[in-house]
Amino acid sequence: MSGTIKVLCYKSKTLSNGEHPLMLCVCKDNKRKYQSLGISIKAEQWDFKNNCPNDKCPNRERIIILINDRINEIQKIALDKRIAGRDFTASTLIESSKPSNK
């Protein structure tokens, strides 16, 4: 893909329940695009060094599955665009992966 996809605990934003949102970060050509995963976690339940939930997290397995599914979905879209010979950016990957509300 010649870019990176990772999930970050967005510690600079604290929600009303005291948790922090998990954000998908897509980087390509020195451009970053963030998208919320729709879940939040307490800072003490997140391993900031490895960017994954730590052992204290009660829904650790579920969160890891959700993260891996989203990353795989973005990688599949990037691969499809690369095979088709179409250019893409971090923004177009995020937009392509959003579920339609129709």
N, C-alpha and C. Protein backbone atom coordinates (compact mmCIF):
# COMPACT_ATOMS: atom_id res chain seq x y z
N MET A 1 0.82 -1.19 0.00
CA MET A 1 0.00 0.00 0.00
C MET A 1 0.86 1.25 0.00
N SER A 2 2.11 1.14 0.41
CA SER A 2 3.03 2.27 0.54
C SER A 2 2.47 3.34 1.48
N GLY A 3 1.87 2.88 2.52
CA GLY A 3 1.33 3.75 3.57
C GLY A 3 1.15 2.91 4.81
N THR A 4 0.62 3.52 5.85
CA THR A 4 0.39 2.78 7.09
C THR A 4 -1.04 2.95 7.56
N ILE A 5 -1.50 1.92 8.25
CA ILE A 5 -2.82 1.93 8.87
C ILE A 5 -2.62 1.46 10.30
N LYS A 6 -3.06 2.25 11.24
CA LYS A 6 -2.95 1.85 12.64
C LYS A 6 -4.11 2.42 13.43
N VAL A 7 -4.29 1.90 14.61
CA VAL A 7 -5.35 2.37 15.50
C VAL A 7 -4.69 3.02 16.70
N LEU A 8 -5.19 4.20 17.05
CA LEU A 8 -4.65 4.96 18.16
C LEU A 8 -5.73 5.24 19.19
N CYS A 9 -5.33 5.27 20.43
CA CYS A 9 -6.21 5.76 21.49
C CYS A 9 -6.01 7.27 21.50
N TYR A 10 -7.03 8.02 21.15
CA TYR A 10 -6.95 9.46 20.99
C TYR A 10 -7.01 10.12 22.36
N LYS A 11 -5.87 10.14 23.02
CA LYS A 11 -5.79 10.57 24.41
C LYS A 11 -6.07 12.06 24.59
N SER A 12 -5.88 12.86 23.56
CA SER A 12 -6.10 14.29 23.69
C SER A 12 -7.58 14.64 23.78
N LYS A 13 -8.45 13.71 23.46
CA LYS A 13 -9.89 13.95 23.57
C LYS A 13 -10.45 13.02 24.64
N THR A 14 -11.09 13.60 25.64
CA THR A 14 -11.71 12.82 26.70
C THR A 14 -13.22 12.97 26.57
N LEU A 15 -13.91 11.86 26.49
CA LEU A 15 -15.36 11.87 26.38
C LEU A 15 -15.99 12.11 27.75
N SER A 16 -17.28 12.32 27.77
CA SER A 16 -17.97 12.64 29.03
C SER A 16 -17.92 11.50 30.04
N ASN A 17 -17.73 10.27 29.57
CA ASN A 17 -17.65 9.13 30.48
C ASN A 17 -16.22 8.87 30.95
N GLY A 18 -15.28 9.75 30.58
CA GLY A 18 -13.89 9.62 31.01
C GLY A 18 -13.05 8.72 30.12
N GLU A 19 -13.62 8.20 29.06
CA GLU A 19 -12.89 7.33 28.14
C GLU A 19 -12.37 8.13 26.96
N HIS A 20 -11.50 7.51 26.18
CA HIS A 20 -10.91 8.13 25.01
C HIS A 20 -11.30 7.32 23.77
N PRO A 21 -11.64 8.00 22.65
CA PRO A 21 -12.05 7.26 21.45
C PRO A 21 -10.88 6.55 20.79
N LEU A 22 -11.16 5.42 20.17
CA LEU A 22 -10.17 4.73 19.34
C LEU A 22 -10.34 5.22 17.92
N MET A 23 -9.24 5.65 17.33
CA MET A 23 -9.27 6.25 16.00
C MET A 23 -8.42 5.43 15.04
N LEU A 24 -8.93 5.23 13.85
CA LEU A 24 -8.19 4.60 12.77
C LEU A 24 -7.39 5.70 12.08
N CYS A 25 -6.08 5.52 11.95
CA CYS A 25 -5.21 6.51 11.32
C CYS A 25 -4.64 5.90 10.04
N VAL A 26 -4.98 6.50 8.90
CA VAL A 26 -4.45 6.07 7.62
C VAL A 26 -3.48 7.13 7.14
N CYS A 27 -2.23 6.73 6.90
CA CYS A 27 -1.19 7.66 6.44
C CYS A 27 -0.72 7.23 5.06
N LYS A 28 -0.69 8.17 4.14
CA LYS A 28 -0.17 7.91 2.79
C LYS A 28 0.35 9.23 2.24
N ASP A 29 1.54 9.19 1.69
CA ASP A 29 2.18 10.38 1.10
C ASP A 29 2.23 11.54 2.09
N ASN A 30 2.60 11.24 3.33
CA ASN A 30 2.72 12.23 4.41
C ASN A 30 1.41 12.95 4.73
N LYS A 31 0.29 12.37 4.36
CA LYS A 31 -1.03 12.90 4.70
C LYS A 31 -1.70 11.91 5.65
N ARG A 32 -2.34 12.43 6.68
CA ARG A 32 -3.02 11.57 7.64
C ARG A 32 -4.51 11.84 7.62
N LYS A 33 -5.26 10.77 7.78
CA LYS A 33 -6.71 10.88 7.87
C LYS A 33 -7.15 10.00 9.03
N TYR A 34 -7.97 10.55 9.91
CA TYR A 34 -8.45 9.84 11.08
C TYR A 34 -9.93 9.55 10.93
N GLN A 35 -10.34 8.38 11.45
CA GLN A 35 -11.76 8.03 11.49
C GLN A 35 -12.00 7.28 12.79
N SER A 36 -13.07 7.64 13.45
CA SER A 36 -13.41 6.98 14.71
C SER A 36 -13.87 5.55 14.44
N LEU A 37 -13.49 4.64 15.33
CA LEU A 37 -13.97 3.26 15.23
C LEU A 37 -15.34 3.11 15.90
N GLY A 38 -15.77 4.13 16.62
CA GLY A 38 -17.07 4.07 17.28
C GLY A 38 -17.02 3.45 18.66
N ILE A 39 -15.83 3.20 19.16
CA ILE A 39 -15.70 2.66 20.51
C ILE A 39 -14.69 3.50 21.28
N SER A 40 -14.81 3.46 22.59
CA SER A 40 -13.89 4.20 23.44
C SER A 40 -13.38 3.29 24.55
N ILE A 41 -12.29 3.73 25.16
CA ILE A 41 -11.62 2.89 26.14
C ILE A 41 -10.95 3.80 27.17
N LYS A 42 -10.81 3.31 28.37
CA LYS A 42 -10.09 4.06 29.40
C LYS A 42 -8.59 4.00 29.10
N ALA A 43 -7.89 5.06 29.42
CA ALA A 43 -6.45 5.15 29.10
C ALA A 43 -5.66 4.04 29.77
N GLU A 44 -6.04 3.64 30.98
CA GLU A 44 -5.28 2.59 31.67
C GLU A 44 -5.53 1.20 31.08
N GLN A 45 -6.49 1.07 30.16
CA GLN A 45 -6.76 -0.21 29.52
C GLN A 45 -6.10 -0.31 28.14
N TRP A 46 -5.31 0.69 27.76
CA TRP A 46 -4.68 0.73 26.44
C TRP A 46 -3.16 0.70 26.58
N ASP A 47 -2.52 -0.11 25.75
CA ASP A 47 -1.06 -0.18 25.71
C ASP A 47 -0.59 0.78 24.63
N PHE A 48 -0.10 1.96 25.03
CA PHE A 48 0.29 2.99 24.08
C PHE A 48 1.55 2.63 23.31
N LYS A 49 2.38 1.78 23.86
CA LYS A 49 3.60 1.38 23.17
C LYS A 49 3.30 0.47 21.98
N ASN A 50 2.37 -0.47 22.15
CA ASN A 50 2.03 -1.43 21.10
C ASN A 50 0.73 -1.09 20.37
N ASN A 51 0.05 -0.02 20.76
CA ASN A 51 -1.22 0.40 20.16
C ASN A 51 -2.25 -0.73 20.11
N CYS A 52 -2.50 -1.31 21.27
CA CYS A 52 -3.53 -2.35 21.38
C CYS A 52 -4.06 -2.36 22.81
N PRO A 53 -5.21 -2.97 23.04
CA PRO A 53 -5.72 -3.06 24.40
C PRO A 53 -4.80 -3.93 25.25
N ASN A 54 -4.61 -3.55 26.51
CA ASN A 54 -3.76 -4.37 27.38
C ASN A 54 -4.58 -5.47 28.05
N ASP A 55 -3.94 -6.26 28.86
CA ASP A 55 -4.59 -7.41 29.49
C ASP A 55 -5.69 -7.03 30.47
N LYS A 56 -5.69 -5.78 30.95
CA LYS A 56 -6.71 -5.33 31.90
C LYS A 56 -8.03 -4.97 31.23
N CYS A 57 -8.03 -4.86 29.93
CA CYS A 57 -9.22 -4.45 29.20
C CYS A 57 -10.26 -5.58 29.22
N PRO A 58 -11.50 -5.30 29.66
CA PRO A 58 -12.49 -6.37 29.78
C PRO A 58 -12.95 -6.95 28.43
N ASN A 59 -12.97 -6.16 27.38
CA ASN A 59 -13.42 -6.64 26.06
C ASN A 59 -12.27 -6.72 25.08
N ARG A 60 -11.12 -7.11 25.55
CA ARG A 60 -9.88 -7.09 24.77
C ARG A 60 -10.01 -7.86 23.45
N GLU A 61 -10.48 -9.09 23.49
CA GLU A 61 -10.56 -9.92 22.29
C GLU A 61 -11.51 -9.31 21.27
N ARG A 62 -12.62 -8.79 21.74
CA ARG A 62 -13.63 -8.20 20.86
C ARG A 62 -13.07 -6.96 20.16
N ILE A 63 -12.36 -6.13 20.92
CA ILE A 63 -11.78 -4.91 20.38
C ILE A 63 -10.69 -5.25 19.36
N ILE A 64 -9.87 -6.24 19.65
CA ILE A 64 -8.81 -6.66 18.71
C ILE A 64 -9.42 -7.17 17.41
N ILE A 65 -10.49 -7.93 17.49
CA ILE A 65 -11.17 -8.42 16.28
C ILE A 65 -11.71 -7.25 15.47
N LEU A 66 -12.34 -6.28 16.13
CA LEU A 66 -12.88 -5.11 15.44
C LEU A 66 -11.77 -4.32 14.75
N ILE A 67 -10.65 -4.12 15.45
CA ILE A 67 -9.51 -3.39 14.88
C ILE A 67 -8.97 -4.12 13.66
N ASN A 68 -8.76 -5.42 13.78
CA ASN A 68 -8.21 -6.20 12.66
C ASN A 68 -9.16 -6.20 11.46
N ASP A 69 -10.46 -6.28 11.71
CA ASP A 69 -11.43 -6.25 10.61
C ASP A 69 -11.37 -4.93 9.84
N ARG A 70 -11.29 -3.81 10.57
CA ARG A 70 -11.23 -2.50 9.92
C ARG A 70 -9.93 -2.33 9.12
N ILE A 71 -8.82 -2.76 9.72
CA ILE A 71 -7.53 -2.65 9.02
C ILE A 71 -7.54 -3.51 7.76
N ASN A 72 -8.06 -4.73 7.86
CA ASN A 72 -8.13 -5.61 6.68
C ASN A 72 -9.03 -5.03 5.60
N GLU A 73 -10.13 -4.39 6.00
CA GLU A 73 -11.04 -3.78 5.04
C GLU A 73 -10.34 -2.65 4.27
N ILE A 74 -9.61 -1.80 4.97
CA ILE A 74 -8.89 -0.70 4.32
C ILE A 74 -7.79 -1.25 3.40
N GLN A 75 -7.06 -2.27 3.86
CA GLN A 75 -6.00 -2.85 3.04
C GLN A 75 -6.57 -3.48 1.78
N LYS A 76 -7.73 -4.10 1.87
CA LYS A 76 -8.37 -4.71 0.70
C LYS A 76 -8.77 -3.64 -0.32
N ILE A 77 -9.32 -2.53 0.17
CA ILE A 77 -9.70 -1.43 -0.73
C ILE A 77 -8.47 -0.87 -1.42
N ALA A 78 -7.37 -0.68 -0.67
CA ALA A 78 -6.13 -0.16 -1.25
C ALA A 78 -5.58 -1.11 -2.30
N LEU A 79 -5.62 -2.41 -2.02
CA LEU A 79 -5.13 -3.39 -2.98
C LEU A 79 -5.98 -3.39 -4.24
N ASP A 80 -7.30 -3.33 -4.09
CA ASP A 80 -8.19 -3.29 -5.26
C ASP A 80 -7.91 -2.06 -6.13
N LYS A 81 -7.70 -0.92 -5.49
CA LYS A 81 -7.42 0.30 -6.25
C LYS A 81 -6.07 0.21 -6.95
N ARG A 82 -5.08 -0.37 -6.26
CA ARG A 82 -3.75 -0.50 -6.86
C ARG A 82 -3.78 -1.46 -8.05
N ILE A 83 -4.51 -2.57 -7.92
CA ILE A 83 -4.62 -3.54 -9.02
C ILE A 83 -5.31 -2.91 -10.22
N ALA A 84 -6.34 -2.08 -9.95
CA ALA A 84 -7.07 -1.42 -11.03
C ALA A 84 -6.28 -0.25 -11.63
N GLY A 85 -5.15 0.09 -11.02
CA GLY A 85 -4.33 1.17 -11.55
C GLY A 85 -4.84 2.56 -11.19
N ARG A 86 -5.70 2.64 -10.20
CA ARG A 86 -6.24 3.94 -9.80
C ARG A 86 -5.42 4.52 -8.65
N ASP A 87 -5.23 5.83 -8.69
CA ASP A 87 -4.56 6.51 -7.60
C ASP A 87 -5.52 6.65 -6.42
N PHE A 88 -4.95 6.70 -5.23
CA PHE A 88 -5.77 6.89 -4.04
C PHE A 88 -4.98 7.63 -2.99
N THR A 89 -5.71 8.27 -2.10
CA THR A 89 -5.11 8.98 -0.98
C THR A 89 -5.68 8.40 0.31
N ALA A 90 -5.16 8.87 1.42
CA ALA A 90 -5.68 8.43 2.72
C ALA A 90 -7.16 8.79 2.83
N SER A 91 -7.54 9.96 2.35
CA SER A 91 -8.94 10.40 2.42
C SER A 91 -9.85 9.52 1.57
N THR A 92 -9.40 9.16 0.36
CA THR A 92 -10.27 8.34 -0.48
C THR A 92 -10.40 6.92 0.06
N LEU A 93 -9.37 6.43 0.73
CA LEU A 93 -9.48 5.11 1.35
C LEU A 93 -10.51 5.12 2.48
N ILE A 94 -10.48 6.15 3.30
CA ILE A 94 -11.44 6.27 4.40
C ILE A 94 -12.85 6.41 3.84
N GLU A 95 -13.00 7.27 2.81
CA GLU A 95 -14.32 7.48 2.22
C GLU A 95 -14.86 6.22 1.58
N SER A 96 -13.99 5.45 0.93
CA SER A 96 -14.41 4.21 0.28
C SER A 96 -14.82 3.14 1.28
N SER A 97 -14.27 3.21 2.47
CA SER A 97 -14.56 2.17 3.46
C SER A 97 -15.77 2.48 4.32
N LYS A 98 -16.31 3.69 4.22
CA LYS A 98 -17.46 4.05 5.04
C LYS A 98 -18.68 3.30 4.54
N PRO A 99 -19.48 2.73 5.46
CA PRO A 99 -20.72 2.09 5.03
C PRO A 99 -21.71 3.14 4.57
N SER A 100 -22.44 2.83 3.53
CA SER A 100 -23.44 3.81 3.03
C SER A 100 -24.64 3.80 3.95
N ASN A 101 -25.24 4.96 4.12
CA ASN A 101 -26.38 5.11 5.02
C ASN A 101 -27.70 4.95 4.29
N LYS A 102 -27.68 4.38 3.11
CA LYS A 102 -28.91 4.25 2.32
C LYS A 102 -29.55 2.91 2.55
